[in-house]
Each structure stands twice: as C-alpha cells, then as structure tokens.
Amino acid sequence: MSATDERIRAKFDEYNRVYFDGRLPRYRVQIVDRIIRGFDARRIKRRQRLIQIRWGSPEDMAGILLHEMAHAATNNERAKRFQDGMRRLRAAGAPLAQSDLQEPEGPTRLTRTFIREVLEQEVLSSGETPTLWQFMKWLHREYRHAASASALLQRYPWVRKLYSEAKREHQEMARRRSGLRGEAE
C-alpha cells in the first residue's frame, strides 16, 4: 500500500468524523489509473463498500472522495437528498472539487445537441470508446433523467443512433490521424 493510499484512507476516516458524524459505514478506497474506460474520475460500489478514485492531485482526490461519501450517505445520485447533502458540505466549508462548489442550475435537458457535445467532449475525447451501455450507465449516473440506464434509453431511443454516428465519426477521425502520422514517418 502506497503512502497516497494511506493518506486517502485516512481522509475517509477524517471526513466521516468531521462531516458525517462518523455515521458512514467503512468503505475501502482505491486509487486507480482509470475508471470506465477513462471518462470518469470516480465510482462507488455500495454493495462492496468500495470507492474508486482516479489518480490526480491530492486536492482533487480529496474533493472527489467527499463527493462519493455524499453518495454513500444519501444512497442517491442527483436526487434531492444528494443535493441537500452537497449543500450541507458546501456550507460547512468542506474541501469539495471545483465542480461541486457551485449550486446546480437544475436538471439538464437531454437534447440531441447536448448528447452530441457530451459524447464529443467528455466521452470520445478520452481516447477510448465505451460501449453504448457503458455510456448510458454513465449518462444515467450523471444526469438521472430516468430510474435506470435502460429506462433512460427507452425514454430517449434516439440516443442509440446518435451514439453510433458519433462513434463512427470519431473512429474515422482517429484513422485519418493515424494515417497522417504514418505518412509523416
């Protein structure tokens, strides 16, 4: 176990004591190189009592740990209890990640333009190509517009075609780039 692993585990205990009154059950915390093909910085597995955090600066990892601890405390994603928990942490001056410091603006509309931008900027630009199902699970976790990832896909069936088109375009661009690199050598 590295010194960083020890520090982040100690942070879990400290934050549990300070921000959650010691009420959270013990979770294992793992520092990993990547999560879900590289486009997510964190993951919580409640049944296994495991929090995984992608390697980063100590400040980022501490903020991400608090975010996941708030999920563990509320057993929710973007629902009201989770948002109330995040407000409480902000008010307490907890060292949250920059993205968690602002109050959310309300539910994000899942339009075709928004999904295309998310695919291009947050998912496909990571250099890896998740499956449609991995993308839907991530989208569900992040934006919670339905009860599950499959319900989300039923509610927005056009995402399947949009995903296929964006993936195909991304792969074509990657082939062109690699062809240009081959010509340059």
Protein backbone atom coordinates (compact mmCIF):
# COMPACT_ATOMS: atom_id res chain seq x y z
CA MET A 1 0.00 0.00 0.00
CA SER A 2 1.44 3.36 -1.04
CA ALA A 3 1.66 6.49 1.09
CA THR A 4 -1.02 8.09 -1.12
CA ASP A 5 -3.39 5.17 -0.50
CA GLU A 6 -2.80 5.52 3.25
CA ARG A 7 -3.47 9.28 3.12
CA ILE A 8 -6.72 8.93 1.17
CA ARG A 9 -7.94 6.20 3.53
CA ALA A 10 -7.10 8.46 6.48
CA LYS A 11 -9.05 11.26 4.74
CA PHE A 12 -12.09 8.97 4.57
CA ASP A 13 -11.94 8.47 8.34
CA GLU A 14 -11.37 12.19 8.97
CA TYR A 15 -14.20 13.33 6.67
CA ASN A 16 -16.54 10.71 8.10
CA ARG A 17 -15.87 12.06 11.57
CA VAL A 18 -15.99 15.77 10.67
CA TYR A 19 -18.72 15.96 8.00
CA PHE A 20 -20.84 12.83 8.60
CA ASP A 21 -20.61 12.48 12.41
CA GLY A 22 -18.96 9.06 11.95
CA ARG A 23 -22.21 7.56 10.63
CA LEU A 24 -20.92 6.24 7.30
CA PRO A 25 -20.03 2.56 7.24
CA ARG A 26 -16.40 1.77 6.49
CA TYR A 27 -15.61 1.84 2.76
CA ARG A 28 -12.42 0.67 1.11
CA VAL A 29 -10.90 3.44 -1.00
CA GLN A 30 -8.82 2.55 -4.06
CA ILE A 31 -6.71 4.83 -6.22
CA VAL A 32 -6.87 3.59 -9.81
CA ASP A 33 -5.36 4.65 -13.14
CA ARG A 34 -8.68 4.77 -14.94
CA ILE A 35 -12.34 4.07 -14.44
CA ILE A 36 -14.91 3.00 -17.04
CA ARG A 37 -12.59 3.30 -19.99
CA GLY A 38 -11.12 6.58 -18.81
CA PHE A 39 -14.04 9.02 -18.92
CA ASP A 40 -14.99 9.10 -15.28
CA ALA A 41 -12.93 10.17 -12.25
CA ARG A 42 -14.78 8.21 -9.60
CA ARG A 43 -17.07 5.32 -8.85
CA ILE A 44 -18.82 3.96 -5.78
CA LYS A 45 -19.86 0.34 -5.35
CA ARG A 46 -22.20 0.35 -2.37
CA ARG A 47 -22.70 -3.40 -2.10
CA GLN A 48 -18.96 -3.95 -1.95
CA ARG A 49 -18.42 -0.83 0.16
CA LEU A 50 -15.79 0.36 -2.30
CA ILE A 51 -14.95 3.85 -3.56
CA GLN A 52 -12.61 4.07 -6.54
CA ILE A 53 -10.93 7.36 -7.40
CA ARG A 54 -8.82 8.07 -10.46
CA TRP A 55 -5.31 9.24 -9.67
CA GLY A 56 -4.95 13.03 -9.53
CA SER A 57 -3.78 15.88 -7.37
CA PRO A 58 -4.33 15.41 -3.62
CA GLU A 59 -6.85 18.28 -3.62
CA ASP A 60 -8.85 16.79 -6.50
CA MET A 61 -8.83 13.33 -4.96
CA ALA A 62 -9.99 14.70 -1.58
CA GLY A 63 -12.88 16.58 -3.22
CA ILE A 64 -13.87 13.54 -5.24
CA LEU A 65 -13.74 11.39 -2.10
CA LEU A 66 -16.17 13.77 -0.36
CA HIS A 67 -18.49 13.67 -3.37
CA GLU A 68 -18.59 9.87 -3.24
CA MET A 69 -19.06 9.92 0.53
CA ALA A 70 -22.11 12.14 -0.04
CA HIS A 71 -23.45 9.49 -2.41
CA ALA A 72 -22.84 6.83 0.24
CA ALA A 73 -24.60 8.93 2.87
CA THR A 74 -27.69 9.62 0.75
CA ASN A 75 -27.79 6.48 -1.38
CA ASN A 76 -28.75 8.80 -4.25
CA GLU A 77 -27.19 10.30 -7.34
CA ARG A 78 -28.64 13.66 -8.40
CA ALA A 79 -31.79 13.41 -6.31
CA LYS A 80 -32.90 15.95 -3.72
CA ARG A 81 -31.25 14.14 -0.75
CA PHE A 82 -27.89 14.11 -2.53
CA GLN A 83 -28.17 17.79 -3.48
CA ASP A 84 -29.15 18.66 0.11
CA GLY A 85 -26.08 16.75 1.30
CA MET A 86 -23.85 18.66 -1.11
CA ARG A 87 -25.35 21.98 0.06
CA ARG A 88 -24.59 20.98 3.65
CA LEU A 89 -20.97 20.13 2.74
CA ARG A 90 -20.58 23.46 0.86
CA ALA A 91 -21.99 25.36 3.85
CA ALA A 92 -19.59 23.53 6.18
CA GLY A 93 -16.64 24.62 4.03
CA ALA A 94 -15.73 21.07 3.02
CA PRO A 95 -12.85 20.85 0.50
CA LEU A 96 -15.05 19.85 -2.43
CA ALA A 97 -13.96 19.57 -6.05
CA GLN A 98 -14.41 22.81 -8.01
CA SER A 99 -17.34 21.35 -9.96
CA ASP A 100 -19.16 20.60 -6.68
CA LEU A 101 -18.72 24.10 -5.24
CA GLN A 102 -21.37 25.69 -7.44
CA GLU A 103 -25.04 25.11 -6.85
CA PRO A 104 -26.52 23.03 -9.71
CA GLU A 105 -28.68 25.02 -12.12
CA GLY A 106 -31.41 22.40 -12.22
CA PRO A 107 -31.92 19.41 -14.44
CA THR A 108 -30.01 19.41 -17.69
CA ARG A 109 -32.19 18.88 -20.73
CA LEU A 110 -31.09 15.84 -22.69
CA THR A 111 -31.32 17.26 -26.18
CA ARG A 112 -29.62 15.86 -29.27
CA THR A 113 -27.17 18.78 -29.24
CA PHE A 114 -26.37 18.24 -25.56
CA ILE A 115 -25.81 14.46 -26.02
CA ARG A 116 -23.59 15.06 -29.05
CA GLU A 117 -21.48 17.59 -27.08
CA VAL A 118 -21.18 15.23 -24.11
CA LEU A 119 -20.11 12.42 -26.40
CA GLU A 120 -17.51 14.52 -28.19
CA GLN A 121 -16.13 16.49 -25.25
CA GLU A 122 -16.37 14.16 -22.28
CA VAL A 123 -16.52 10.64 -23.61
CA LEU A 124 -14.94 10.04 -27.01
CA SER A 125 -12.21 12.64 -26.47
CA SER A 126 -10.80 10.47 -23.66
CA GLY A 127 -9.13 8.32 -26.30
CA GLU A 128 -11.23 5.25 -25.51
CA THR A 129 -14.59 4.23 -26.90
CA PRO A 130 -17.10 2.95 -24.36
CA THR A 131 -19.95 0.71 -25.41
CA LEU A 132 -23.42 2.22 -25.74
CA TRP A 133 -24.38 0.51 -22.48
CA GLN A 134 -21.37 1.99 -20.62
CA PHE A 135 -22.26 5.42 -21.98
CA MET A 136 -25.91 5.05 -20.91
CA LYS A 137 -24.87 3.98 -17.42
CA TRP A 138 -22.56 6.99 -17.17
CA LEU A 139 -25.25 9.33 -18.55
CA HIS A 140 -27.76 7.94 -16.05
CA ARG A 141 -25.33 8.41 -13.15
CA GLU A 142 -24.51 11.95 -14.15
CA TYR A 143 -27.94 13.30 -15.15
CA ARG A 144 -30.54 10.94 -13.59
CA HIS A 145 -33.43 11.54 -16.02
CA ALA A 146 -34.89 8.06 -15.51
CA ALA A 147 -34.94 5.24 -12.98
CA SER A 148 -32.16 3.27 -14.70
CA ALA A 149 -29.85 3.31 -17.71
CA SER A 150 -32.21 1.04 -19.65
CA ALA A 151 -35.20 3.26 -18.76
CA LEU A 152 -33.16 6.24 -19.94
CA LEU A 153 -32.57 4.53 -23.28
CA GLN A 154 -36.29 3.74 -23.57
CA ARG A 155 -37.16 7.36 -22.82
CA TYR A 156 -34.59 8.69 -25.33
CA PRO A 157 -34.36 5.96 -28.02
CA TRP A 158 -32.70 8.38 -30.46
CA VAL A 159 -29.53 8.29 -28.31
CA ARG A 160 -28.68 4.86 -29.81
CA LYS A 161 -28.45 6.28 -33.36
CA LEU A 162 -26.69 9.46 -32.22
CA TYR A 163 -24.14 7.39 -30.29
CA SER A 164 -23.46 5.15 -33.31
CA GLU A 165 -22.98 8.15 -35.59
CA ALA A 166 -20.67 9.95 -33.16
CA LYS A 167 -18.64 6.80 -32.54
CA ARG A 168 -18.27 6.14 -36.27
CA GLU A 169 -17.18 9.76 -36.91
CA HIS A 170 -14.72 9.61 -34.02
CA GLN A 171 -13.20 6.35 -35.28
CA GLU A 172 -12.91 7.76 -38.81
CA MET A 173 -11.09 10.84 -37.50
CA ALA A 174 -8.75 8.60 -35.48
CA ARG A 175 -7.98 6.54 -38.63
CA ARG A 176 -7.23 9.72 -40.59
CA ARG A 177 -4.94 10.99 -37.84
CA SER A 178 -3.04 7.71 -37.66
CA GLY A 179 -2.75 7.70 -41.48
CA LEU A 180 -1.29 11.20 -41.41
CA ARG A 181 1.21 10.14 -38.76
CA GLY A 182 2.20 7.14 -40.88
CA GLU A 183 2.81 9.39 -43.91
CA ALA A 184 4.93 11.77 -41.85
CA GLU A 185 7.30 8.97 -40.84
